PDB file of N, CA and C in Angstrom:
ATOM      1  N   MET A   1     107.207  22.147-112.338  1.00  0.00           N
ATOM      2  CA  MET A   1     107.429  21.290-111.188  1.00  0.00           C
ATOM      3  C   MET A   1     106.719  21.923-109.981  1.00  0.00           C
ATOM      4  N   SER A   2     105.945  21.130-109.275  1.00  0.00           N
ATOM      5  CA  SER A   2     105.186  21.636-108.132  1.00  0.00           C
ATOM      6  C   SER A   2     106.096  21.836-106.912  1.00  0.00           C
ATOM      7  N   LYS A   3     105.560  22.502-105.897  1.00  0.00           N
ATOM      8  CA  LYS A   3     106.318  22.720-104.661  1.00  0.00           C
ATOM      9  C   LYS A   3     106.674  21.385-104.008  1.00  0.00           C
ATOM     10  N   SER A   4     105.740  20.447-104.050  1.00  0.00           N
ATOM     11  CA  SER A   4     105.979  19.130-103.458  1.00  0.00           C
ATOM     12  C   SER A   4     107.113  18.415-104.179  1.00  0.00           C
ATOM     13  N   GLU A   5     107.093  18.458-105.500  1.00  0.00           N
ATOM     14  CA  GLU A   5     108.149  17.804-106.283  1.00  0.00           C
ATOM     15  C   GLU A   5     109.502  18.461-106.021  1.00  0.00           C
ATOM     16  N   LYS A   6     109.514  19.780-105.883  1.00  0.00           N
ATOM     17  CA  LYS A   6     110.765  20.486-105.586  1.00  0.00           C
ATOM     18  C   LYS A   6     111.300  20.097-104.220  1.00  0.00           C
ATOM     19  N   LEU A   7     110.410  19.961-103.246  1.00  0.00           N
ATOM     20  CA  LEU A   7     110.827  19.564-101.900  1.00  0.00           C
ATOM     21  C   LEU A   7     111.382  18.148-101.895  1.00  0.00           C
ATOM     22  N   ILE A   8     110.735  17.246-102.624  1.00  0.00           N
ATOM     23  CA  ILE A   8     111.211  15.867-102.709  1.00  0.00           C
ATOM     24  C   ILE A   8     112.594  15.824-103.363  1.00  0.00           C
ATOM     25  N   GLU A   9     112.793  16.564-104.441  1.00  0.00           N
ATOM     26  CA  GLU A   9     114.097  16.612-105.114  1.00  0.00           C
ATOM     27  C   GLU A   9     115.164  17.211-104.197  1.00  0.00           C
ATOM     28  N   ARG A  10     114.788  18.245-103.467  1.00  0.00           N
ATOM     29  CA  ARG A  10     115.731  18.855-102.522  1.00  0.00           C
ATOM     30  C   ARG A  10     116.160  17.834-101.477  1.00  0.00           C
ATOM     31  N   PHE A  11     115.191  17.085-100.944  1.00  0.00           N
ATOM     32  CA  PHE A  11     115.500  16.062 -99.942  1.00  0.00           C
ATOM     33  C   PHE A  11     116.412  14.987-100.508  1.00  0.00           C
ATOM     34  N   LYS A  12     116.143  14.537-101.723  1.00  0.00           N
ATOM     35  CA  LYS A  12     116.956  13.486-102.343  1.00  0.00           C
ATOM     36  C   LYS A  12     118.415  13.905-102.508  1.00  0.00           C
ATOM     37  N   ASN A  13     118.660  15.213-102.639  1.00  0.00           N
ATOM     38  CA  ASN A  13     120.026  15.719-102.779  1.00  0.00           C
ATOM     39  C   ASN A  13     120.762  15.810-101.448  1.00  0.00           C
ATOM     40  N   MET A  14     120.088  15.449-100.359  1.00  0.00           N
ATOM     41  CA  MET A  14     120.666  15.433 -99.015  1.00  0.00           C
ATOM     42  C   MET A  14     121.355  16.753 -98.637  1.00  0.00           C
ATOM     43  N   PRO A  15     120.612  17.859 -98.671  1.00  0.00           N
ATOM     44  CA  PRO A  15     121.228  19.139 -98.317  1.00  0.00           C
ATOM     45  C   PRO A  15     121.589  19.180 -96.832  1.00  0.00           C
ATOM     46  N   THR A  16     122.566  19.973 -96.498  1.00  0.00           N
ATOM     47  CA  THR A  16     122.990  20.090 -95.096  1.00  0.00           C
ATOM     48  C   THR A  16     122.171  21.134 -94.338  1.00  0.00           C
ATOM     49  N   ASP A  17     121.232  21.784 -95.026  1.00  0.00           N
ATOM     50  CA  ASP A  17     120.416  22.812 -94.382  1.00  0.00           C
ATOM     51  C   ASP A  17     118.916  22.497 -94.438  1.00  0.00           C
ATOM     52  N   PHE A  18     118.564  21.207 -94.480  1.00  0.00           N
ATOM     53  CA  PHE A  18     117.164  20.783 -94.514  1.00  0.00           C
ATOM     54  C   PHE A  18     116.567  20.983 -93.128  1.00  0.00           C
ATOM     55  N   THR A  19     115.446  21.697 -93.045  1.00  0.00           N
ATOM     56  CA  THR A  19     114.882  22.044 -91.742  1.00  0.00           C
ATOM     57  C   THR A  19     113.833  21.032 -91.273  1.00  0.00           C
ATOM     58  N   PHE A  20     113.528  21.103 -89.988  1.00  0.00           N
ATOM     59  CA  PHE A  20     112.511  20.241 -89.411  1.00  0.00           C
ATOM     60  C   PHE A  20     111.153  20.513 -90.062  1.00  0.00           C
ATOM     61  N   ASP A  21     110.849  21.778 -90.304  1.00  0.00           N
ATOM     62  CA  ASP A  21     109.578  22.121 -90.948  1.00  0.00           C
ATOM     63  C   ASP A  21     109.479  21.515 -92.342  1.00  0.00           C
ATOM     64  N   GLU A  22     110.582  21.524 -93.081  1.00  0.00           N
ATOM     65  CA  GLU A  22     110.591  20.893 -94.405  1.00  0.00           C
ATOM     66  C   GLU A  22     110.381  19.390 -94.276  1.00  0.00           C
ATOM     67  N   MET A  23     110.963  18.774 -93.243  1.00  0.00           N
ATOM     68  CA  MET A  23     110.806  17.333 -93.035  1.00  0.00           C
ATOM     69  C   MET A  23     109.349  16.997 -92.738  1.00  0.00           C
ATOM     70  N   VAL A  24     108.692  17.810 -91.933  1.00  0.00           N
ATOM     71  CA  VAL A  24     107.276  17.579 -91.625  1.00  0.00           C
ATOM     72  C   VAL A  24     106.452  17.652 -92.910  1.00  0.00           C
ATOM     73  N   LYS A  25     106.720  18.651 -93.743  1.00  0.00           N
ATOM     74  CA  LYS A  25     106.008  18.787 -95.019  1.00  0.00           C
ATOM     75  C   LYS A  25     106.286  17.601 -95.933  1.00  0.00           C
ATOM     76  N   LEU A  26     107.556  17.192 -96.014  1.00  0.00           N
ATOM     77  CA  LEU A  26     107.934  16.071 -96.863  1.00  0.00           C
ATOM     78  C   LEU A  26     107.194  14.799 -96.452  1.00  0.00           C
ATOM     79  N   LEU A  27     107.223  14.497 -95.169  1.00  0.00           N
ATOM     80  CA  LEU A  27     106.571  13.275 -94.705  1.00  0.00           C
ATOM     81  C   LEU A  27     105.053  13.347 -94.879  1.00  0.00           C
ATOM     82  N   SER A  28     104.488  14.529 -94.768  1.00  0.00           N
ATOM     83  CA  SER A  28     103.036  14.653 -94.984  1.00  0.00           C
ATOM     84  C   SER A  28     102.675  14.410 -96.448  1.00  0.00           C
ATOM     85  N   ILE A  29     103.583  14.731 -97.359  1.00  0.00           N
ATOM     86  CA  ILE A  29     103.353  14.454 -98.779  1.00  0.00           C
ATOM     87  C   ILE A  29     103.138  12.955 -98.992  1.00  0.00           C
ATOM     88  N   PHE A  30     103.866  12.136 -98.233  1.00  0.00           N
ATOM     89  CA  PHE A  30     103.779  10.685 -98.369  1.00  0.00           C
ATOM     90  C   PHE A  30     102.757  10.059 -97.416  1.00  0.00           C
ATOM     91  N   GLY A  31     101.947  10.895 -96.761  1.00  0.00           N
ATOM     92  CA  GLY A  31     100.856  10.384 -95.941  1.00  0.00           C
ATOM     93  C   GLY A  31     101.185  10.155 -94.483  1.00  0.00           C
ATOM     94  N   TYR A  32     102.317  10.631 -94.014  1.00  0.00           N
ATOM     95  CA  TYR A  32     102.685  10.488 -92.604  1.00  0.00           C
ATOM     96  C   TYR A  32     102.096  11.636 -91.798  1.00  0.00           C
ATOM     97  N   GLU A  33     101.732  11.338 -90.555  1.00  0.00           N
ATOM     98  CA  GLU A  33     101.223  12.359 -89.647  1.00  0.00           C
ATOM     99  C   GLU A  33     102.097  12.382 -88.400  1.00  0.00           C
ATOM    100  N   MET A  34     102.430  13.583 -87.954  1.00  0.00           N
ATOM    101  CA  MET A  34     103.293  13.731 -86.784  1.00  0.00           C
ATOM    102  C   MET A  34     102.495  13.526 -85.508  1.00  0.00           C
ATOM    103  N   GLU A  35     103.115  12.826 -84.565  1.00  0.00           N
ATOM    104  CA  GLU A  35     102.500  12.610 -83.260  1.00  0.00           C
ATOM    105  C   GLU A  35     103.562  12.830 -82.196  1.00  0.00           C
ATOM    106  N   THR A  36     103.212  13.583 -81.192  1.00  0.00           N
ATOM    107  CA  THR A  36     104.087  13.729 -80.037  1.00  0.00           C
ATOM    108  C   THR A  36     103.397  13.065 -78.862  1.00  0.00           C
ATOM    109  N   LYS A  37     104.140  12.724 -77.881  1.00  0.00           N
ATOM    110  CA  LYS A  37     103.587  12.045 -76.708  1.00  0.00           C
ATOM    111  C   LYS A  37     103.250  13.030 -75.591  1.00  0.00           C
ATOM    112  N   GLY A  38     103.041  14.267 -75.934  1.00  0.00           N
ATOM    113  CA  GLY A  38     102.721  15.272 -74.923  1.00  0.00           C
ATOM    114  C   GLY A  38     103.982  15.770 -74.233  1.00  0.00           C
ATOM    115  N   LYS A  39     103.850  16.210 -73.009  1.00  0.00           N
ATOM    116  CA  LYS A  39     104.974  16.784 -72.274  1.00  0.00           C
ATOM    117  C   LYS A  39     106.058  15.759 -71.968  1.00  0.00           C
ATOM    118  N   THR A  40     105.732  14.483 -71.936  1.00  0.00           N
ATOM    119  CA  THR A  40     106.714  13.460 -71.571  1.00  0.00           C
ATOM    120  C   THR A  40     107.578  13.013 -72.742  1.00  0.00           C
ATOM    121  N   SER A  41     107.297  13.479 -73.945  1.00  0.00           N
ATOM    122  CA  SER A  41     108.051  12.997 -75.107  1.00  0.00           C
ATOM    123  C   SER A  41     109.382  13.707 -75.275  1.00  0.00           C
ATOM    124  N   GLY A  42     109.548  14.862 -74.643  1.00  0.00           N
ATOM    125  CA  GLY A  42     110.768  15.631 -74.855  1.00  0.00           C
ATOM    126  C   GLY A  42     110.815  16.091 -76.298  1.00  0.00           C
ATOM    127  N   SER A  43     111.953  15.889 -76.942  1.00  0.00           N
ATOM    128  CA  SER A  43     112.079  16.331 -78.330  1.00  0.00           C
ATOM    129  C   SER A  43     111.799  15.205 -79.316  1.00  0.00           C
ATOM    130  N   ARG A  44     111.382  14.050 -78.834  1.00  0.00           N
ATOM    131  CA  ARG A  44     111.110  12.916 -79.718  1.00  0.00           C
ATOM    132  C   ARG A  44     109.773  13.084 -80.418  1.00  0.00           C
ATOM    133  N   VAL A  45     109.786  12.862 -81.720  1.00  0.00           N
ATOM    134  CA  VAL A  45     108.554  12.899 -82.506  1.00  0.00           C
ATOM    135  C   VAL A  45     108.445  11.613 -83.312  1.00  0.00           C
ATOM    136  N   GLU A  46     107.207  11.241 -83.566  1.00  0.00           N
ATOM    137  CA  GLU A  46     106.941  10.028 -84.341  1.00  0.00           C
ATOM    138  C   GLU A  46     106.021  10.405 -85.484  1.00  0.00           C
ATOM    139  N   PHE A  47     106.291   9.839 -86.646  1.00  0.00           N
ATOM    140  CA  PHE A  47     105.455  10.065 -87.815  1.00  0.00           C
ATOM    141  C   PHE A  47     104.806   8.740 -88.168  1.00  0.00           C
ATOM    142  N   HIS A  48     103.483   8.722 -88.115  1.00  0.00           N
ATOM    143  CA  HIS A  48     102.721   7.492 -88.358  1.00  0.00           C
ATOM    144  C   HIS A  48     102.103   7.497 -89.746  1.00  0.00           C
ATOM    145  N   HIS A  49     101.979   6.295 -90.278  1.00  0.00           N
ATOM    146  CA  HIS A  49     101.342   6.076 -91.577  1.00  0.00           C
ATOM    147  C   HIS A  49     100.441   4.860 -91.437  1.00  0.00           C
ATOM    148  N   ASP A  50      99.346   4.837 -92.158  1.00  0.00           N
ATOM    149  CA  ASP A  50      98.404   3.721 -92.066  1.00  0.00           C
ATOM    150  C   ASP A  50      98.994   2.407 -92.553  1.00  0.00           C
ATOM    151  N   GLU A  51      99.892   2.457 -93.551  1.00  0.00           N
ATOM    152  CA  GLU A  51     100.404   1.237 -94.158  1.00  0.00           C
ATOM    153  C   GLU A  51     101.851   0.913 -93.792  1.00  0.00           C
ATOM    154  N   TYR A  52     102.638   1.910 -93.447  1.00  0.00           N
ATOM    155  CA  TYR A  52     104.073   1.715 -93.271  1.00  0.00           C
ATOM    156  C   TYR A  52     104.490   1.849 -91.815  1.00  0.00           C
ATOM    157  N   GLN A  53     105.692   1.378 -91.552  1.00  0.00           N
ATOM    158  CA  GLN A  53     106.276   1.486 -90.216  1.00  0.00           C
ATOM    159  C   GLN A  53     106.485   2.955 -89.861  1.00  0.00           C
ATOM    160  N   ALA A  54     106.306   3.268 -88.591  1.00  0.00           N
ATOM    161  CA  ALA A  54     106.473   4.643 -88.126  1.00  0.00           C
ATOM    162  C   ALA A  54     107.935   5.083 -88.245  1.00  0.00           C
ATOM    163  N   ILE A  55     108.130   6.378 -88.435  1.00  0.00           N
ATOM    164  CA  ILE A  55     109.460   6.975 -88.460  1.00  0.00           C
ATOM    165  C   ILE A  55     109.576   7.822 -87.208  1.00  0.00           C
ATOM    166  N   MET A  56     110.634   7.591 -86.424  1.00  0.00           N
ATOM    167  CA  MET A  56     110.796   8.301 -85.174  1.00  0.00           C
ATOM    168  C   MET A  56     112.205   8.892 -85.093  1.00  0.00           C
ATOM    169  N   PHE A  57     112.294  10.136 -84.661  1.00  0.00           N
ATOM    170  CA  PHE A  57     113.585  10.773 -84.431  1.00  0.00           C
ATOM    171  C   PHE A  57     113.392  11.958 -83.504  1.00  0.00           C
ATOM    172  N   HIS A  58     114.490  12.574 -83.094  1.00  0.00           N
ATOM    173  CA  HIS A  58     114.434  13.728 -82.204  1.00  0.00           C
ATOM    174  C   HIS A  58     114.414  15.022 -83.012  1.00  0.00           C
ATOM    175  N   LYS A  59     113.630  15.966 -82.548  1.00  0.00           N
ATOM    176  CA  LYS A  59     113.629  17.291 -83.159  1.00  0.00           C
ATOM    177  C   LYS A  59     115.017  17.885 -82.987  1.00  0.00           C
ATOM    178  N   PRO A  60     115.509  18.550 -84.006  1.00  0.00           N
ATOM    179  CA  PRO A  60     116.819  19.179 -83.864  1.00  0.00           C
ATOM    180  C   PRO A  60     116.734  20.386 -82.922  1.00  0.00           C
ATOM    181  N   HIS A  61     117.776  20.553 -82.139  1.00  0.00           N
ATOM    182  CA  HIS A  61     117.850  21.733 -81.286  1.00  0.00           C
ATOM    183  C   HIS A  61     119.295  21.996 -80.946  1.00  0.00           C
ATOM    184  N   PRO A  62     119.759  23.174 -80.739  1.00  0.00           N
ATOM    185  CA  PRO A  62     118.970  24.397 -80.669  1.00  0.00           C
ATOM    186  C   PRO A  62     118.588  24.943 -82.042  1.00  0.00           C
ATOM    187  N   SER A  63     119.254  24.506 -83.116  1.00  0.00           N
ATOM    188  CA  SER A  63     118.858  24.983 -84.446  1.00  0.00           C
ATOM    189  C   SER A  63     117.727  24.109 -84.986  1.00  0.00           C
ATOM    190  N   ASN A  64     117.198  24.472 -86.128  1.00  0.00           N
ATOM    191  CA  ASN A  64     116.079  23.757 -86.732  1.00  0.00           C
ATOM    192  C   ASN A  64     116.546  22.835 -87.865  1.00  0.00           C
ATOM    193  N   ILE A  65     117.859  22.660 -88.014  1.00  0.00           N
ATOM    194  CA  ILE A  65     118.434  21.884 -89.118  1.00  0.00           C
ATOM    195  C   ILE A  65     118.488  20.398 -88.749  1.00  0.00           C
ATOM    196  N   ILE A  66     117.982  19.554 -89.661  1.00  0.00           N
ATOM    197  CA  ILE A  66     117.983  18.101 -89.458  1.00  0.00           C
ATOM    198  C   ILE A  66     119.413  17.566 -89.600  1.00  0.00           C
ATOM    199  N   LYS A  67     119.810  16.693 -88.706  1.00  0.00           N
ATOM    200  CA  LYS A  67     121.145  16.101 -88.741  1.00  0.00           C
ATOM    201  C   LYS A  67     121.251  15.100 -89.897  1.00  0.00           C
ATOM    202  N   GLY A  68     122.479  14.905 -90.381  1.00  0.00           N
ATOM    203  CA  GLY A  68     122.721  14.036 -91.525  1.00  0.00           C
ATOM    204  C   GLY A  68     122.269  12.606 -91.317  1.00  0.00           C
ATOM    205  N   TYR A  69     122.508  12.062 -90.118  1.00  0.00           N
ATOM    206  CA  TYR A  69     122.115  10.671 -89.878  1.00  0.00           C
ATOM    207  C   TYR A  69     120.595  10.511 -89.902  1.00  0.00           C
ATOM    208  N   VAL A  70     119.859  11.543 -89.498  1.00  0.00           N
ATOM    209  CA  VAL A  70     118.395  11.492 -89.541  1.00  0.00           C
ATOM    210  C   VAL A  70     117.926  11.549 -90.992  1.00  0.00           C
ATOM    211  N   MET A  71     118.589  12.377 -91.795  1.00  0.00           N
ATOM    212  CA  MET A  71     118.259  12.454 -93.224  1.00  0.00           C
ATOM    213  C   MET A  71     118.416  11.080 -93.870  1.00  0.00           C
ATOM    214  N   LYS A  72     119.522  10.406 -93.577  1.00  0.00           N
ATOM    215  CA  LYS A  72     119.781   9.082 -94.156  1.00  0.00           C
ATOM    216  C   LYS A  72     118.759   8.070 -93.670  1.00  0.00           C
ATOM    217  N   LEU A  73     118.404   8.135 -92.391  1.00  0.00           N
ATOM    218  CA  LEU A  73     117.420   7.216 -91.825  1.00  0.00           C
ATOM    219  C   LEU A  73     116.068   7.383 -92.513  1.00  0.00           C
ATOM    220  N   VAL A  74     115.618   8.621 -92.653  1.00  0.00           N
ATOM    221  CA  VAL A  74     114.322   8.892 -93.281  1.00  0.00           C
ATOM    222  C   VAL A  74     114.362   8.508 -94.758  1.00  0.00           C
ATOM    223  N   PHE A  75     115.455   8.838 -95.446  1.00  0.00           N
ATOM    224  CA  PHE A  75     115.585   8.481 -96.864  1.00  0.00           C
ATOM    225  C   PHE A  75     115.478   6.967 -97.033  1.00  0.00           C
ATOM    226  N   SER A  76     116.198   6.228 -96.208  1.00  0.00           N
ATOM    227  CA  SER A  76     116.188   4.770 -96.286  1.00  0.00           C
ATOM    228  C   SER A  76     114.785   4.214 -96.045  1.00  0.00           C
ATOM    229  N   GLN A  77     114.118   4.738 -95.049  1.00  0.00           N
ATOM    230  CA  GLN A  77     112.771   4.255 -94.727  1.00  0.00           C
ATOM    231  C   GLN A  77     111.786   4.570 -95.851  1.00  0.00           C
ATOM    232  N   LEU A  78     111.852   5.770 -96.395  1.00  0.00           N
ATOM    233  CA  LEU A  78     110.949   6.128 -97.495  1.00  0.00           C
ATOM    234  C   LEU A  78     111.238   5.292 -98.734  1.00  0.00           C
ATOM    235  N   LYS A  79     112.496   5.031 -98.985  1.00  0.00           N
ATOM    236  CA  LYS A  79     112.877   4.204-100.140  1.00  0.00           C
ATOM    237  C   LYS A  79     112.371   2.775 -99.949  1.00  0.00           C
ATOM    238  N   ASP A  80     112.533   2.234 -98.745  1.00  0.00           N
ATOM    239  CA  ASP A  80     112.032   0.882 -98.451  1.00  0.00           C
ATOM    240  C   ASP A  80     110.517   0.795 -98.608  1.00  0.00           C
ATOM    241  N   ASN A  81     109.821   1.898 -98.331  1.00  0.00           N
ATOM    242  CA  ASN A  81     108.365   1.934 -98.456  1.00  0.00           C
ATOM    243  C   ASN A  81     107.900   2.150 -99.889  1.00  0.00           C
ATOM    244  N   GLY A  82     108.845   2.352-100.806  1.00  0.00           N
ATOM    245  CA  GLY A  82     108.488   2.543-102.202  1.00  0.00           C
ATOM    246  C   GLY A  82     108.034   3.955-102.537  1.00  0.00           C
ATOM    247  N   CYS A  83     108.356   4.905-101.678  1.00  0.00           N
ATOM    248  CA  CYS A  83     107.947   6.295-101.935  1.00  0.00           C
ATOM    249  C   CYS A  83     108.729   6.921-103.078  1.00  0.00           C
ATOM    250  N   PHE A  84     109.983   6.452-103.289  1.00  0.00           N
ATOM    251  CA  PHE A  84     110.771   6.846-104.445  1.00  0.00           C
ATOM    252  C   PHE A  84     111.855   5.845-104.704  1.00  0.00           C
TER     253      PHE A  84
END
């Protein structure tokens, strides 16, 4: 099993310690690219894809752990896009 497949399986299990860096890697596997709006965006980030609707959420802070509701939002969007 490749690193990408392991990351996807880890995400599907909805761990409570999934990090922002792992989320960036996961979304890049499916062709999403992160975009920030510069200094005015605050902690908001958007992930764009050529074919699918953008995914937008706030960077976690002060820790790097993604919140549960964001995990569910991203999972739902990826599932709707046919990623898994």
